[in-house]
């Protein structure tokens, strides 16, 4: 078996800086919005706007999870974690999903309780609509900013946080419609909006929790990515074939195990050199943390150059 250090980790400082700076932007935006939404919702008697504010408060907790994961997932390997700490990011994504599930369930319970109370919904003051629209625009802009950073540094955790911001934008849209409906005389619209926000948050939490759980259970790369890695290995000079190619996710990277077939007449040194070249090519062209290879000698001659 053979292994070389992961060249993919050369980008770690950039990923850490991008995660910190983008998350701090999200923290400031969510803190300001949550305060404005909750206070305006209380003063304007808007259940939907209060729910939207609680959603923004949940974002602050998710931002804290992202910062914690960013600090710990890129630590170097040690005696207790010889493969590194990449899966801290997967665990943080699972925690984020469970957090969203809890917030969504609480919103649903509160909305059902209000709608089932038998009390006539209160009329909402006009400022609630302006704050709801402000939340809609702010969260959509935040989503586009965070997703751009996530794509640039290829971070699933940042992407999860970005789509969380998009869920906030959608919830703000629903709340805006609910508040507008209340202002037009449809008093139940605001409560229904709060109910829909709870459903949206719960659904997104379940999605991210399930995705993170699959990653923690050694989910493999997509068929397209596995095929691309196999093509890179096969194109390595001296590799006559391969089999038993296996991949598993660790954080946003992949671990690769493969058996490489080389000419059985080659020396051990020559076979080792071919293996190292194959590993270096995969690390240079794919988002891979490490490549473990096993050399299998086969009968045959090397292809003509």
Protein backbone atom coordinates (compact mmCIF):
# COMPACT_ATOMS: atom_id res chain seq x y z
CA UNK A 1 0.00 0.00 0.00
CA UNK A 2 1.19 3.51 -0.73
CA UNK A 3 0.07 6.98 0.28
CA UNK A 4 1.24 10.55 -0.24
CA UNK A 5 0.25 13.76 1.59
CA UNK A 6 -2.83 15.54 0.36
CA UNK A 7 -2.06 18.46 -1.90
CA UNK A 8 -5.69 19.50 -1.67
CA UNK A 9 -4.93 20.85 1.78
CA UNK A 10 -2.79 23.63 0.29
CA UNK A 11 -6.02 25.58 -0.17
CA UNK A 12 -6.95 25.28 3.52
CA UNK A 13 -5.89 28.80 4.61
CA UNK A 14 -8.00 30.34 1.86
CA UNK A 15 -11.00 28.21 2.82
CA UNK A 16 -10.61 29.17 6.46
CA UNK A 17 -10.35 32.89 5.71
CA UNK A 18 -13.32 32.77 3.34
CA UNK A 19 -15.42 30.86 5.87
CA UNK A 20 -14.57 33.28 8.69
CA UNK A 21 -15.14 36.49 6.73
CA UNK A 22 -18.37 35.34 5.06
CA UNK A 23 -19.75 33.97 8.31
CA UNK A 24 -19.03 37.21 10.16
CA UNK A 25 -20.98 39.06 7.45
CA UNK A 26 -23.84 36.64 8.06
CA UNK A 27 -23.62 37.14 11.84
CA UNK A 28 -23.95 40.91 11.57
CA UNK A 29 -26.81 40.70 9.06
CA UNK A 30 -28.74 38.11 11.08
CA UNK A 31 -28.26 39.93 14.38
CA UNK A 32 -29.62 43.18 12.98
CA UNK A 33 -32.50 41.51 11.14
CA UNK A 34 -33.51 39.29 14.05
CA UNK A 35 -33.68 42.27 16.42
CA UNK A 36 -35.67 44.37 13.95
CA UNK A 37 -38.04 41.55 12.99
CA UNK A 38 -38.86 40.41 16.51
CA UNK A 39 -39.34 43.93 17.91
CA UNK A 40 -41.44 45.04 14.94
CA UNK A 41 -43.44 41.80 15.08
CA UNK A 42 -44.25 42.32 18.75
CA UNK A 43 -45.17 45.97 18.28
CA UNK A 44 -47.15 45.31 15.09
CA UNK A 45 -48.86 42.12 16.36
CA UNK A 46 -47.47 40.01 13.49
CA UNK A 47 -47.01 36.33 14.35
CA UNK A 48 -45.42 35.70 10.97
CA UNK A 49 -42.80 38.40 11.42
CA UNK A 50 -41.93 37.10 14.89
CA UNK A 51 -41.47 33.61 13.37
CA UNK A 52 -39.22 35.12 10.71
CA UNK A 53 -37.20 36.83 13.44
CA UNK A 54 -36.80 33.53 15.30
CA UNK A 55 -35.58 32.03 12.05
CA UNK A 56 -32.92 34.75 11.86
CA UNK A 57 -31.95 34.03 15.46
CA UNK A 58 -31.49 30.38 14.49
CA UNK A 59 -29.15 31.62 11.77
CA UNK A 60 -26.94 33.16 14.43
CA UNK A 61 -26.60 29.74 16.04
CA UNK A 62 -25.86 28.13 12.69
CA UNK A 63 -23.21 30.79 12.05
CA UNK A 64 -21.60 29.81 15.36
CA UNK A 65 -21.62 26.17 14.22
CA UNK A 66 -19.90 27.15 10.94
CA UNK A 67 -17.20 29.12 12.78
CA UNK A 68 -16.62 26.22 15.17
CA UNK A 69 -16.34 23.73 12.31
CA UNK A 70 -14.02 26.03 10.37
CA UNK A 71 -11.71 26.23 13.37
CA UNK A 72 -11.52 22.49 14.04
CA UNK A 73 -12.04 20.66 10.72
CA UNK A 74 -8.72 21.76 9.21
CA UNK A 75 -6.50 20.79 12.12
CA UNK A 76 -3.55 18.62 11.16
CA UNK A 77 -3.67 14.88 11.72
CA UNK A 78 -2.58 13.67 15.16
CA UNK A 79 -2.22 10.40 17.03
CA UNK A 80 -5.93 10.23 17.86
CA UNK A 81 -7.04 11.33 14.37
CA UNK A 82 -4.46 9.98 11.88
CA UNK A 83 -6.76 10.79 8.94
CA UNK A 84 -7.25 14.39 10.01
CA UNK A 85 -10.31 16.22 11.36
CA UNK A 86 -12.25 16.73 8.11
CA UNK A 87 -15.37 15.01 9.42
CA UNK A 88 -15.83 17.68 12.05
CA UNK A 89 -17.43 19.61 9.18
CA UNK A 90 -19.85 16.75 8.45
CA UNK A 91 -20.76 16.54 12.13
CA UNK A 92 -21.31 20.31 12.24
CA UNK A 93 -23.61 20.05 9.20
CA UNK A 94 -25.60 17.37 11.02
CA UNK A 95 -25.87 19.62 14.08
CA UNK A 96 -27.02 22.49 11.88
CA UNK A 97 -29.71 20.29 10.33
CA UNK A 98 -30.97 19.15 13.73
CA UNK A 99 -31.01 22.76 14.92
CA UNK A 100 -33.20 23.73 11.98
CA UNK A 101 -35.50 20.80 12.73
CA UNK A 102 -35.94 22.00 16.32
CA UNK A 103 -36.62 25.59 15.26
CA UNK A 104 -39.09 24.47 12.59
CA UNK A 105 -40.94 22.19 15.00
CA UNK A 106 -41.24 25.02 17.54
CA UNK A 107 -42.60 27.37 14.86
CA UNK A 108 -45.19 24.79 13.81
CA UNK A 109 -46.31 24.21 17.38
CA UNK A 110 -46.64 27.97 18.03
CA UNK A 111 -48.54 28.58 14.79
CA UNK A 112 -50.96 25.70 15.38
CA UNK A 113 -51.51 26.87 18.96
CA UNK A 114 -52.40 30.40 17.80
CA UNK A 115 -54.65 29.23 14.96
CA UNK A 116 -56.43 26.75 17.25
CA UNK A 117 -56.92 29.17 20.12
CA UNK A 118 -60.24 30.45 18.79
CA UNK A 119 -59.20 34.08 19.26
CA UNK A 120 -59.65 36.47 16.37
CA UNK A 121 -56.26 37.47 14.89
CA UNK A 122 -55.26 41.05 15.59
CA UNK A 123 -54.88 43.64 12.88
CA UNK A 124 -51.26 44.20 11.93
CA UNK A 125 -49.62 47.61 11.72
CA UNK A 126 -48.22 48.67 8.35
CA UNK A 127 -44.50 48.83 9.41
CA UNK A 128 -44.51 45.02 9.63
CA UNK A 129 -44.81 44.81 5.85
CA UNK A 130 -41.80 47.05 5.26
CA UNK A 131 -39.65 45.07 7.68
CA UNK A 132 -40.76 41.79 6.06
CA UNK A 133 -39.78 43.15 2.62
CA UNK A 134 -36.46 44.36 4.01
CA UNK A 135 -35.79 40.86 5.35
CA UNK A 136 -36.65 39.37 1.96
CA UNK A 137 -34.18 41.55 0.07
CA UNK A 138 -31.43 41.24 2.70
CA UNK A 139 -31.60 37.44 2.91
CA UNK A 140 -31.60 37.02 -0.86
CA UNK A 141 -28.48 39.18 -1.15
CA UNK A 142 -26.86 37.27 1.71
CA UNK A 143 -27.69 33.96 0.02
CA UNK A 144 -26.03 34.99 -3.25
CA UNK A 145 -22.94 36.22 -1.42
CA UNK A 146 -22.54 33.09 0.75
CA UNK A 147 -23.20 30.68 -2.13
CA UNK A 148 -20.60 32.43 -4.26
CA UNK A 149 -18.01 32.00 -1.50
CA UNK A 150 -19.03 28.35 -0.97
CA UNK A 151 -18.58 27.55 -4.66
CA UNK A 152 -15.23 29.32 -4.78
CA UNK A 153 -13.74 27.33 -1.89
CA UNK A 154 -15.88 24.19 -2.45
CA UNK A 155 -17.35 23.97 1.06
CA UNK A 156 -20.55 21.99 1.63
CA UNK A 157 -20.96 23.53 5.08
CA UNK A 158 -20.83 27.07 3.68
CA UNK A 159 -23.24 25.98 0.95
CA UNK A 160 -25.61 24.63 3.61
CA UNK A 161 -25.44 27.94 5.43
CA UNK A 162 -26.06 29.80 2.16
CA UNK A 163 -29.16 27.76 1.35
CA UNK A 164 -30.29 28.37 4.92
CA UNK A 165 -30.18 32.08 4.03
CA UNK A 166 -32.22 31.31 0.90
CA UNK A 167 -34.80 29.54 3.07
CA UNK A 168 -34.96 32.75 5.11
CA UNK A 169 -35.56 34.74 1.93
CA UNK A 170 -38.42 32.41 1.00
CA UNK A 171 -39.84 32.60 4.51
CA UNK A 172 -39.65 36.40 4.36
CA UNK A 173 -41.55 36.27 1.08
CA UNK A 174 -44.25 34.12 2.68
CA UNK A 175 -44.39 36.46 5.68
CA UNK A 176 -44.65 39.51 3.41
CA UNK A 177 -47.62 37.94 1.64
CA UNK A 178 -49.20 37.03 4.98
CA UNK A 179 -48.77 40.52 6.40
CA UNK A 180 -50.12 42.08 3.20
CA UNK A 181 -53.12 39.74 3.37
CA UNK A 182 -53.79 40.79 6.95
CA UNK A 183 -53.58 44.46 6.00
CA UNK A 184 -56.11 43.80 3.22
CA UNK A 185 -58.53 42.29 5.70
CA UNK A 186 -57.65 38.60 5.59
CA UNK A 187 -56.78 38.29 9.27
CA UNK A 188 -55.83 34.59 9.16
CA UNK A 189 -53.16 35.18 6.51
CA UNK A 190 -50.45 36.12 9.00
CA UNK A 191 -50.96 32.98 11.10
CA UNK A 192 -50.95 30.79 7.99
CA UNK A 193 -47.70 32.47 6.93
CA UNK A 194 -46.13 31.59 10.29
CA UNK A 195 -47.26 27.98 9.81
CA UNK A 196 -45.70 27.80 6.35
CA UNK A 197 -42.42 29.24 7.62
CA UNK A 198 -42.26 26.48 10.23
CA UNK A 199 -42.83 23.81 7.57
CA UNK A 200 -40.09 25.28 5.35
CA UNK A 201 -37.55 25.41 8.16
CA UNK A 202 -38.35 21.86 9.31
CA UNK A 203 -38.07 20.50 5.75
CA UNK A 204 -34.68 22.12 5.19
CA UNK A 205 -33.41 20.87 8.56
CA UNK A 206 -34.39 17.29 7.70
CA UNK A 207 -32.66 17.59 4.32
CA UNK A 208 -29.33 18.78 5.71
CA UNK A 209 -29.39 16.35 8.63
CA UNK A 210 -29.95 13.43 6.23
CA UNK A 211 -27.21 14.57 3.84
CA UNK A 212 -24.70 14.99 6.68
CA UNK A 213 -25.64 11.60 8.16
CA UNK A 214 -24.97 9.92 4.80
CA UNK A 215 -21.56 11.62 4.57
CA UNK A 216 -20.68 10.39 8.06
CA UNK A 217 -21.56 6.85 6.93
CA UNK A 218 -18.83 6.90 4.25
CA UNK A 219 -20.95 7.94 1.28
CA UNK A 220 -18.99 7.53 -1.95
CA UNK A 221 -18.31 10.12 -4.62
CA UNK A 222 -20.84 10.63 -7.39
CA UNK A 223 -20.59 8.33 -10.42
CA UNK A 224 -19.31 11.22 -12.52
CA UNK A 225 -16.57 12.13 -10.05
CA UNK A 226 -15.52 8.49 -9.58
CA UNK A 227 -15.36 8.04 -13.36
CA UNK A 228 -13.19 11.16 -13.68
CA UNK A 229 -10.78 9.86 -11.02
CA UNK A 230 -10.61 6.49 -12.78
CA UNK A 231 -9.87 8.23 -16.09
CA UNK A 232 -7.01 10.18 -14.48
CA UNK A 233 -5.54 6.96 -13.06
CA UNK A 234 -5.84 5.07 -16.36
CA UNK A 235 -4.12 7.88 -18.25
CA UNK A 236 -1.04 7.63 -16.01
CA UNK A 237 1.95 6.27 -17.95
CA UNK A 238 2.64 2.69 -16.87
CA UNK A 239 -0.88 1.95 -15.54
CA UNK A 240 -2.33 -0.95 -17.58
CA UNK A 241 -5.64 -1.06 -15.72
CA UNK A 242 -7.32 -0.69 -12.33
CA UNK A 243 -9.93 -2.33 -10.16
CA UNK A 244 -11.49 -2.06 -6.70
CA UNK A 245 -11.71 1.73 -6.93
CA UNK A 246 -13.46 2.94 -3.78
CA UNK A 247 -14.14 6.45 -2.51
CA UNK A 248 -15.57 7.93 0.68
CA UNK A 249 -16.26 11.45 1.82
CA UNK A 250 -14.35 13.13 4.64
CA UNK A 251 -15.61 16.67 5.04
CA UNK A 252 -15.55 18.21 1.57
CA UNK A 253 -12.75 15.96 0.37
CA UNK A 254 -12.54 12.34 -0.78
CA UNK A 255 -10.44 9.41 0.32
CA UNK A 256 -9.57 7.09 -2.58
CA UNK A 257 -8.51 3.42 -2.47
CA UNK A 258 -7.57 1.62 -5.69
CA UNK A 259 -5.69 -1.37 -7.08
CA UNK A 260 -3.42 -0.40 -10.00
CA UNK A 261 -2.34 -2.97 -12.57
CA UNK A 262 1.22 -2.65 -13.88
CA UNK A 263 3.53 -4.83 -15.96
CA UNK A 264 4.67 -7.70 -13.77
CA UNK A 265 8.16 -7.60 -15.32
CA UNK A 266 8.88 -4.17 -13.83
CA UNK A 267 11.07 -3.72 -10.78
CA UNK A 268 9.58 -2.77 -7.41
CA UNK A 269 11.12 0.69 -7.78
CA UNK A 270 9.49 1.19 -11.19
CA UNK A 271 6.07 0.04 -9.93
CA UNK A 272 6.37 2.35 -6.93
CA UNK A 273 7.22 5.30 -9.20
CA UNK A 274 4.14 4.62 -11.34
CA UNK A 275 1.99 4.48 -8.20
CA UNK A 276 3.33 7.79 -6.90
CA UNK A 277 2.77 9.45 -10.26
CA UNK A 278 -0.83 8.22 -10.32
CA UNK A 279 -1.43 9.54 -6.82
CA UNK A 280 0.05 12.94 -7.61
CA UNK A 281 -2.10 13.28 -10.73
CA UNK A 282 -5.30 12.52 -8.81
CA UNK A 283 -4.41 14.95 -6.01
CA UNK A 284 -3.59 17.65 -8.55
CA UNK A 285 -6.81 17.34 -10.58
CA UNK A 286 -9.48 16.25 -8.10
CA UNK A 287 -10.80 17.35 -4.71
CA UNK A 288 -9.11 14.47 -2.87
CA UNK A 289 -7.48 14.30 0.55
CA UNK A 290 -5.45 11.12 0.04
CA UNK A 291 -4.99 8.20 -2.36
CA UNK A 292 -4.15 4.69 -1.17
CA UNK A 293 -2.86 2.39 -3.93
CA UNK A 294 -2.10 -1.31 -4.18
CA UNK A 295 0.07 -2.53 -7.06
CA UNK A 296 -1.07 -5.69 -8.88
CA UNK A 297 1.35 -7.20 -11.40
CA UNK A 298 -0.21 -8.37 -14.65
CA UNK A 299 1.13 -10.18 -17.67
CA UNK A 300 1.61 -7.86 -20.60
CA UNK A 301 3.75 -5.11 -21.98
CA UNK A 302 3.56 -1.38 -21.53
CA UNK A 303 1.62 0.48 -24.28
CA UNK A 304 3.62 2.27 -26.91
CA UNK A 305 4.25 5.98 -26.06
